[in-house]
Amino acid sequence: MAKEKYSIEFPLGTVSPSVLWGYIGTPNGLSNWFADDVTHVGKHFTFIWNKIPQEAEQTGCRTGVFIRFKWKEDEGQRVYFEFKISQNELTGGTVLEITDFAEPEDRIDSIDLWGSQVDNLKRRVGVEV
């Protein structure tokens, strides 16, 4: 079955977009909340969880705004995961939008996992969880 696209928005209040970018747009920042370790050579990234590496290619980036990756295992498919920073028009607060793809039966688990990961990020940037 084909993976389906979904997006989740996480309000981060008064967190500075430039501070947030340091956590989503750099290997060091990503290793502080998203993976145990992150390394890269050019646009080739290795994300490590529990000593198990997963390879991804950075397929898009606009510094300070968004970064997009495609897992090596998803080659040949039109899927990716992306972190995007925006401002809430009503509150002026910073928002992290995550776009990902999942099998329909795995979507809820995937969203829950992102929520848990972003809770780690919130702790790092000083947002109450």
N, C-alpha and C. Protein backbone atom coordinates (compact mmCIF):
# COMPACT_ATOMS: atom_id res chain seq x y z
N MET A 1 0.84 -1.18 0.00
CA MET A 1 0.00 0.00 0.00
C MET A 1 0.89 1.24 0.00
N ALA A 2 0.46 2.28 -0.65
CA ALA A 2 1.23 3.51 -0.77
C ALA A 2 1.18 4.32 0.52
N LYS A 3 2.29 4.98 0.80
CA LYS A 3 2.33 5.87 1.96
C LYS A 3 1.55 7.13 1.64
N GLU A 4 0.93 7.69 2.67
CA GLU A 4 0.14 8.91 2.52
C GLU A 4 0.81 10.05 3.26
N LYS A 5 0.73 11.22 2.68
CA LYS A 5 1.33 12.43 3.25
C LYS A 5 0.46 12.98 4.38
N TYR A 6 1.12 13.48 5.43
CA TYR A 6 0.43 14.19 6.49
C TYR A 6 1.35 15.26 7.05
N SER A 7 0.77 16.28 7.66
CA SER A 7 1.53 17.35 8.29
C SER A 7 0.98 17.60 9.69
N ILE A 8 1.90 17.92 10.59
CA ILE A 8 1.54 18.21 11.97
C ILE A 8 2.18 19.54 12.35
N GLU A 9 1.44 20.40 13.03
CA GLU A 9 2.00 21.66 13.50
C GLU A 9 2.17 21.61 15.01
N PHE A 10 3.34 22.08 15.45
CA PHE A 10 3.66 22.13 16.86
C PHE A 10 3.97 23.58 17.25
N PRO A 11 3.08 24.23 18.01
CA PRO A 11 3.35 25.60 18.47
C PRO A 11 4.50 25.60 19.47
N LEU A 12 5.44 26.52 19.28
CA LEU A 12 6.61 26.60 20.17
C LEU A 12 6.72 27.97 20.84
N GLY A 13 5.63 28.72 20.84
CA GLY A 13 5.58 29.99 21.56
C GLY A 13 6.61 30.99 21.11
N THR A 14 7.39 31.49 22.07
CA THR A 14 8.32 32.58 21.80
C THR A 14 9.71 32.12 21.38
N VAL A 15 9.86 30.85 21.07
CA VAL A 15 11.17 30.35 20.63
C VAL A 15 11.58 31.10 19.36
N SER A 16 12.77 31.61 19.37
CA SER A 16 13.29 32.33 18.21
C SER A 16 13.44 31.38 17.02
N PRO A 17 12.97 31.77 15.83
CA PRO A 17 13.16 30.93 14.64
C PRO A 17 14.63 30.59 14.39
N SER A 18 15.53 31.50 14.70
CA SER A 18 16.95 31.20 14.47
C SER A 18 17.46 30.15 15.46
N VAL A 19 16.98 30.19 16.69
CA VAL A 19 17.34 29.15 17.66
C VAL A 19 16.77 27.81 17.21
N LEU A 20 15.51 27.81 16.79
CA LEU A 20 14.88 26.57 16.32
C LEU A 20 15.64 26.01 15.12
N TRP A 21 16.06 26.87 14.22
CA TRP A 21 16.81 26.40 13.04
C TRP A 21 18.07 25.65 13.46
N GLY A 22 18.72 26.12 14.51
CA GLY A 22 19.91 25.42 15.00
C GLY A 22 19.62 23.98 15.41
N TYR A 23 18.39 23.71 15.79
CA TYR A 23 18.00 22.35 16.20
C TYR A 23 17.49 21.49 15.06
N ILE A 24 16.96 22.10 14.01
CA ILE A 24 16.42 21.29 12.91
C ILE A 24 17.28 21.33 11.65
N GLY A 25 18.15 22.31 11.55
CA GLY A 25 18.90 22.49 10.32
C GLY A 25 20.37 22.13 10.39
N THR A 26 20.80 21.57 11.54
CA THR A 26 22.21 21.19 11.68
C THR A 26 22.30 19.78 12.27
N PRO A 27 23.34 19.03 11.88
CA PRO A 27 23.51 17.69 12.45
C PRO A 27 23.62 17.70 13.97
N ASN A 28 24.37 18.66 14.52
CA ASN A 28 24.52 18.74 15.97
C ASN A 28 23.18 19.00 16.63
N GLY A 29 22.41 19.92 16.07
CA GLY A 29 21.09 20.22 16.63
C GLY A 29 20.16 19.03 16.57
N LEU A 30 20.15 18.33 15.44
CA LEU A 30 19.29 17.15 15.28
C LEU A 30 19.67 16.04 16.26
N SER A 31 20.97 15.94 16.57
CA SER A 31 21.40 14.89 17.51
C SER A 31 21.05 15.24 18.95
N ASN A 32 20.58 16.45 19.19
CA ASN A 32 20.15 16.85 20.53
C ASN A 32 18.72 16.44 20.85
N TRP A 33 17.93 16.09 19.84
CA TRP A 33 16.53 15.77 20.13
C TRP A 33 15.94 14.70 19.20
N PHE A 34 16.43 14.61 17.99
CA PHE A 34 15.79 13.75 16.99
C PHE A 34 16.42 12.36 16.93
N ALA A 35 17.73 12.28 16.98
CA ALA A 35 18.44 11.00 16.90
C ALA A 35 19.55 10.99 17.95
N ASP A 36 20.12 9.81 18.19
CA ASP A 36 21.23 9.71 19.14
C ASP A 36 22.46 10.41 18.60
N ASP A 37 22.67 10.33 17.29
CA ASP A 37 23.79 10.99 16.64
C ASP A 37 23.41 11.24 15.19
N VAL A 38 23.95 12.31 14.62
CA VAL A 38 23.71 12.65 13.22
C VAL A 38 25.03 13.12 12.62
N THR A 39 25.40 12.51 11.51
CA THR A 39 26.59 12.94 10.79
C THR A 39 26.19 13.19 9.34
N HIS A 40 27.05 13.93 8.65
CA HIS A 40 26.75 14.15 7.23
C HIS A 40 28.02 14.40 6.44
N VAL A 41 27.97 14.05 5.18
CA VAL A 41 28.99 14.39 4.20
C VAL A 41 28.22 15.00 3.05
N GLY A 42 28.37 16.29 2.86
CA GLY A 42 27.58 16.97 1.84
C GLY A 42 26.11 16.87 2.20
N LYS A 43 25.32 16.34 1.27
CA LYS A 43 23.88 16.19 1.51
C LYS A 43 23.49 14.79 1.96
N HIS A 44 24.48 13.94 2.20
CA HIS A 44 24.22 12.58 2.68
C HIS A 44 24.30 12.58 4.21
N PHE A 45 23.18 12.24 4.86
CA PHE A 45 23.09 12.24 6.32
C PHE A 45 22.95 10.82 6.85
N THR A 46 23.55 10.57 8.00
CA THR A 46 23.36 9.32 8.71
C THR A 46 22.78 9.65 10.07
N PHE A 47 21.58 9.12 10.33
CA PHE A 47 20.90 9.27 11.61
C PHE A 47 21.07 7.96 12.36
N ILE A 48 21.48 8.04 13.62
CA ILE A 48 21.74 6.82 14.39
C ILE A 48 20.84 6.80 15.62
N TRP A 49 20.11 5.68 15.76
CA TRP A 49 19.29 5.39 16.93
C TRP A 49 19.72 4.04 17.48
N ASN A 50 20.02 3.97 18.77
CA ASN A 50 20.41 2.70 19.40
C ASN A 50 21.50 1.98 18.60
N LYS A 51 22.48 2.74 18.14
CA LYS A 51 23.63 2.25 17.37
C LYS A 51 23.27 1.72 15.98
N ILE A 52 22.03 1.95 15.54
CA ILE A 52 21.58 1.50 14.22
C ILE A 52 21.47 2.71 13.30
N PRO A 53 22.29 2.73 12.23
CA PRO A 53 22.26 3.87 11.32
C PRO A 53 21.14 3.79 10.29
N GLN A 54 20.59 4.94 9.95
CA GLN A 54 19.64 5.07 8.84
C GLN A 54 20.14 6.19 7.96
N GLU A 55 20.21 5.92 6.66
CA GLU A 55 20.75 6.86 5.70
C GLU A 55 19.64 7.69 5.07
N ALA A 56 19.94 8.97 4.86
CA ALA A 56 18.99 9.88 4.20
C ALA A 56 19.76 10.87 3.35
N GLU A 57 19.09 11.40 2.37
CA GLU A 57 19.64 12.43 1.50
C GLU A 57 18.87 13.72 1.76
N GLN A 58 19.59 14.83 1.93
CA GLN A 58 18.92 16.12 2.05
C GLN A 58 18.49 16.51 0.64
N THR A 59 17.19 16.66 0.44
CA THR A 59 16.68 16.93 -0.91
C THR A 59 16.21 18.36 -1.08
N GLY A 60 16.17 19.12 -0.01
CA GLY A 60 15.76 20.51 -0.11
C GLY A 60 16.12 21.26 1.16
N CYS A 61 16.41 22.53 0.99
CA CYS A 61 16.74 23.35 2.16
C CYS A 61 16.67 24.82 1.79
N ARG A 62 16.07 25.59 2.66
CA ARG A 62 16.14 27.05 2.60
C ARG A 62 16.50 27.46 4.02
N THR A 63 17.74 27.87 4.19
CA THR A 63 18.28 28.16 5.52
C THR A 63 17.34 29.05 6.32
N GLY A 64 17.05 28.59 7.53
CA GLY A 64 16.18 29.34 8.43
C GLY A 64 14.71 29.10 8.22
N VAL A 65 14.35 28.34 7.16
CA VAL A 65 12.94 28.13 6.84
C VAL A 65 12.55 26.66 6.85
N PHE A 66 13.22 25.83 6.04
CA PHE A 66 12.86 24.41 6.01
C PHE A 66 14.05 23.56 5.59
N ILE A 67 13.99 22.28 5.95
CA ILE A 67 14.94 21.27 5.50
C ILE A 67 14.16 20.00 5.24
N ARG A 68 14.48 19.35 4.13
CA ARG A 68 13.75 18.15 3.69
C ARG A 68 14.74 17.01 3.45
N PHE A 69 14.34 15.81 3.89
CA PHE A 69 15.15 14.61 3.74
C PHE A 69 14.35 13.49 3.09
N LYS A 70 15.06 12.60 2.44
CA LYS A 70 14.45 11.39 1.88
C LYS A 70 15.27 10.20 2.38
N TRP A 71 14.59 9.25 3.02
CA TRP A 71 15.27 8.05 3.50
C TRP A 71 15.77 7.23 2.31
N LYS A 72 16.96 6.67 2.44
CA LYS A 72 17.54 5.84 1.38
C LYS A 72 16.61 4.67 1.04
N GLU A 73 15.98 4.11 2.06
CA GLU A 73 15.07 2.97 1.85
C GLU A 73 13.83 3.33 1.05
N ASP A 74 13.56 4.64 0.90
CA ASP A 74 12.38 5.09 0.15
C ASP A 74 12.71 5.51 -1.28
N GLU A 75 13.92 5.17 -1.75
CA GLU A 75 14.29 5.52 -3.12
C GLU A 75 13.24 4.98 -4.09
N GLY A 76 12.94 5.77 -5.09
CA GLY A 76 11.93 5.37 -6.07
C GLY A 76 10.52 5.76 -5.68
N GLN A 77 10.33 6.22 -4.46
CA GLN A 77 9.01 6.66 -4.00
C GLN A 77 9.03 8.18 -3.86
N ARG A 78 7.89 8.80 -4.03
CA ARG A 78 7.79 10.25 -3.90
C ARG A 78 7.39 10.61 -2.46
N VAL A 79 8.27 10.29 -1.54
CA VAL A 79 8.03 10.55 -0.12
C VAL A 79 9.26 11.24 0.48
N TYR A 80 9.05 11.91 1.61
CA TYR A 80 10.13 12.63 2.29
C TYR A 80 9.66 12.95 3.70
N PHE A 81 10.56 13.52 4.50
CA PHE A 81 10.13 14.15 5.74
C PHE A 81 10.78 15.52 5.79
N GLU A 82 10.04 16.47 6.35
CA GLU A 82 10.46 17.87 6.29
C GLU A 82 10.14 18.57 7.59
N PHE A 83 11.07 19.45 8.00
CA PHE A 83 10.87 20.36 9.12
C PHE A 83 10.77 21.76 8.54
N LYS A 84 9.72 22.50 8.93
CA LYS A 84 9.52 23.85 8.41
C LYS A 84 9.16 24.78 9.57
N ILE A 85 9.77 25.95 9.57
CA ILE A 85 9.52 26.96 10.60
C ILE A 85 8.59 28.03 10.02
N SER A 86 7.56 28.38 10.79
CA SER A 86 6.67 29.47 10.37
C SER A 86 6.24 30.26 11.61
N GLN A 87 5.52 31.32 11.38
CA GLN A 87 4.99 32.14 12.45
C GLN A 87 3.46 32.03 12.43
N ASN A 88 2.86 31.89 13.61
CA ASN A 88 1.41 31.88 13.73
C ASN A 88 0.92 33.30 13.50
N GLU A 89 0.04 33.49 12.53
CA GLU A 89 -0.42 34.84 12.19
C GLU A 89 -1.19 35.51 13.32
N LEU A 90 -1.91 34.73 14.12
CA LEU A 90 -2.70 35.32 15.20
C LEU A 90 -1.87 35.66 16.43
N THR A 91 -0.98 34.74 16.83
CA THR A 91 -0.23 34.93 18.06
C THR A 91 1.17 35.47 17.85
N GLY A 92 1.70 35.33 16.64
CA GLY A 92 3.07 35.72 16.37
C GLY A 92 4.08 34.70 16.86
N GLY A 93 3.58 33.60 17.44
CA GLY A 93 4.47 32.56 17.96
C GLY A 93 5.09 31.72 16.85
N THR A 94 6.18 31.08 17.21
CA THR A 94 6.89 30.20 16.28
C THR A 94 6.20 28.85 16.22
N VAL A 95 6.12 28.30 15.01
CA VAL A 95 5.49 27.00 14.78
C VAL A 95 6.46 26.11 14.02
N LEU A 96 6.58 24.86 14.46
CA LEU A 96 7.33 23.86 13.72
C LEU A 96 6.32 22.97 13.02
N GLU A 97 6.40 22.91 11.70
CA GLU A 97 5.53 22.03 10.93
C GLU A 97 6.37 20.86 10.43
N ILE A 98 5.89 19.66 10.71
CA ILE A 98 6.56 18.45 10.24
C ILE A 98 5.66 17.78 9.22
N THR A 99 6.23 17.50 8.05
CA THR A 99 5.52 16.77 7.01
C THR A 99 6.22 15.43 6.85
N ASP A 100 5.43 14.38 6.78
CA ASP A 100 5.98 13.03 6.65
C ASP A 100 4.98 12.18 5.88
N PHE A 101 5.35 10.95 5.61
CA PHE A 101 4.50 9.99 4.92
C PHE A 101 4.46 8.71 5.73
N ALA A 102 3.31 8.05 5.74
CA ALA A 102 3.17 6.78 6.46
C ALA A 102 2.10 5.94 5.79
N GLU A 103 2.22 4.63 5.99
CA GLU A 103 1.16 3.72 5.57
C GLU A 103 -0.09 4.10 6.37
N PRO A 104 -1.28 4.00 5.78
CA PRO A 104 -2.50 4.40 6.50
C PRO A 104 -2.64 3.76 7.89
N GLU A 105 -2.28 2.48 8.00
CA GLU A 105 -2.43 1.80 9.28
C GLU A 105 -1.36 2.21 10.30
N ASP A 106 -0.29 2.88 9.85
CA ASP A 106 0.79 3.33 10.73
C ASP A 106 0.75 4.81 11.05
N ARG A 107 -0.21 5.52 10.47
CA ARG A 107 -0.24 6.98 10.58
C ARG A 107 -0.33 7.45 12.04
N ILE A 108 -1.23 6.89 12.82
CA ILE A 108 -1.40 7.33 14.22
C ILE A 108 -0.13 7.08 15.02
N ASP A 109 0.50 5.91 14.84
CA ASP A 109 1.74 5.62 15.54
C ASP A 109 2.84 6.59 15.13
N SER A 110 2.89 6.92 13.85
CA SER A 110 3.89 7.85 13.34
C SER A 110 3.70 9.25 13.94
N ILE A 111 2.45 9.69 13.99
CA ILE A 111 2.15 11.00 14.58
C ILE A 111 2.52 11.01 16.07
N ASP A 112 2.22 9.92 16.77
CA ASP A 112 2.57 9.82 18.19
C ASP A 112 4.09 9.88 18.39
N LEU A 113 4.82 9.20 17.50
CA LEU A 113 6.29 9.22 17.59
C LEU A 113 6.83 10.63 17.38
N TRP A 114 6.29 11.34 16.38
CA TRP A 114 6.71 12.72 16.16
C TRP A 114 6.41 13.57 17.40
N GLY A 115 5.24 13.36 18.00
CA GLY A 115 4.89 14.11 19.20
C GLY A 115 5.90 13.90 20.32
N SER A 116 6.32 12.65 20.49
CA SER A 116 7.31 12.33 21.50
C SER A 116 8.66 12.98 21.18
N GLN A 117 9.05 12.93 19.92
CA GLN A 117 10.32 13.55 19.51
C GLN A 117 10.28 15.06 19.74
N VAL A 118 9.16 15.69 19.37
CA VAL A 118 9.05 17.13 19.53
C VAL A 118 8.99 17.51 21.01
N ASP A 119 8.45 16.64 21.87
CA ASP A 119 8.52 16.90 23.31
C ASP A 119 9.97 17.02 23.75
N ASN A 120 10.86 16.16 23.20
CA ASN A 120 12.30 16.26 23.50
C ASN A 120 12.84 17.61 23.04
N LEU A 121 12.44 18.02 21.84
CA LEU A 121 12.87 19.31 21.31
C LEU A 121 12.38 20.46 22.21
N LYS A 122 11.13 20.40 22.61
CA LYS A 122 10.57 21.45 23.47
C LYS A 122 11.38 21.59 24.76
N ARG A 123 11.75 20.47 25.35
CA ARG A 123 12.56 20.52 26.58
C ARG A 123 13.89 21.23 26.30
N ARG A 124 14.49 20.93 25.16
CA ARG A 124 15.79 21.53 24.80
C ARG A 124 15.71 23.04 24.61
N VAL A 125 14.59 23.50 24.02
CA VAL A 125 14.49 24.93 23.73
C VAL A 125 13.74 25.71 24.83
N GLY A 126 13.35 25.00 25.90
CA GLY A 126 12.75 25.67 27.04
C GLY A 126 11.26 25.92 26.94
N VAL A 127 10.55 25.10 26.15
CA VAL A 127 9.11 25.21 26.06
C VAL A 127 8.50 24.17 26.99
N GLU A 128 7.50 24.58 27.75
CA GLU A 128 6.85 23.67 28.69
C GLU A 128 6.16 22.54 27.93
N VAL A 129 6.38 21.32 28.36
CA VAL A 129 5.79 20.14 27.70
C VAL A 129 4.51 19.75 28.38
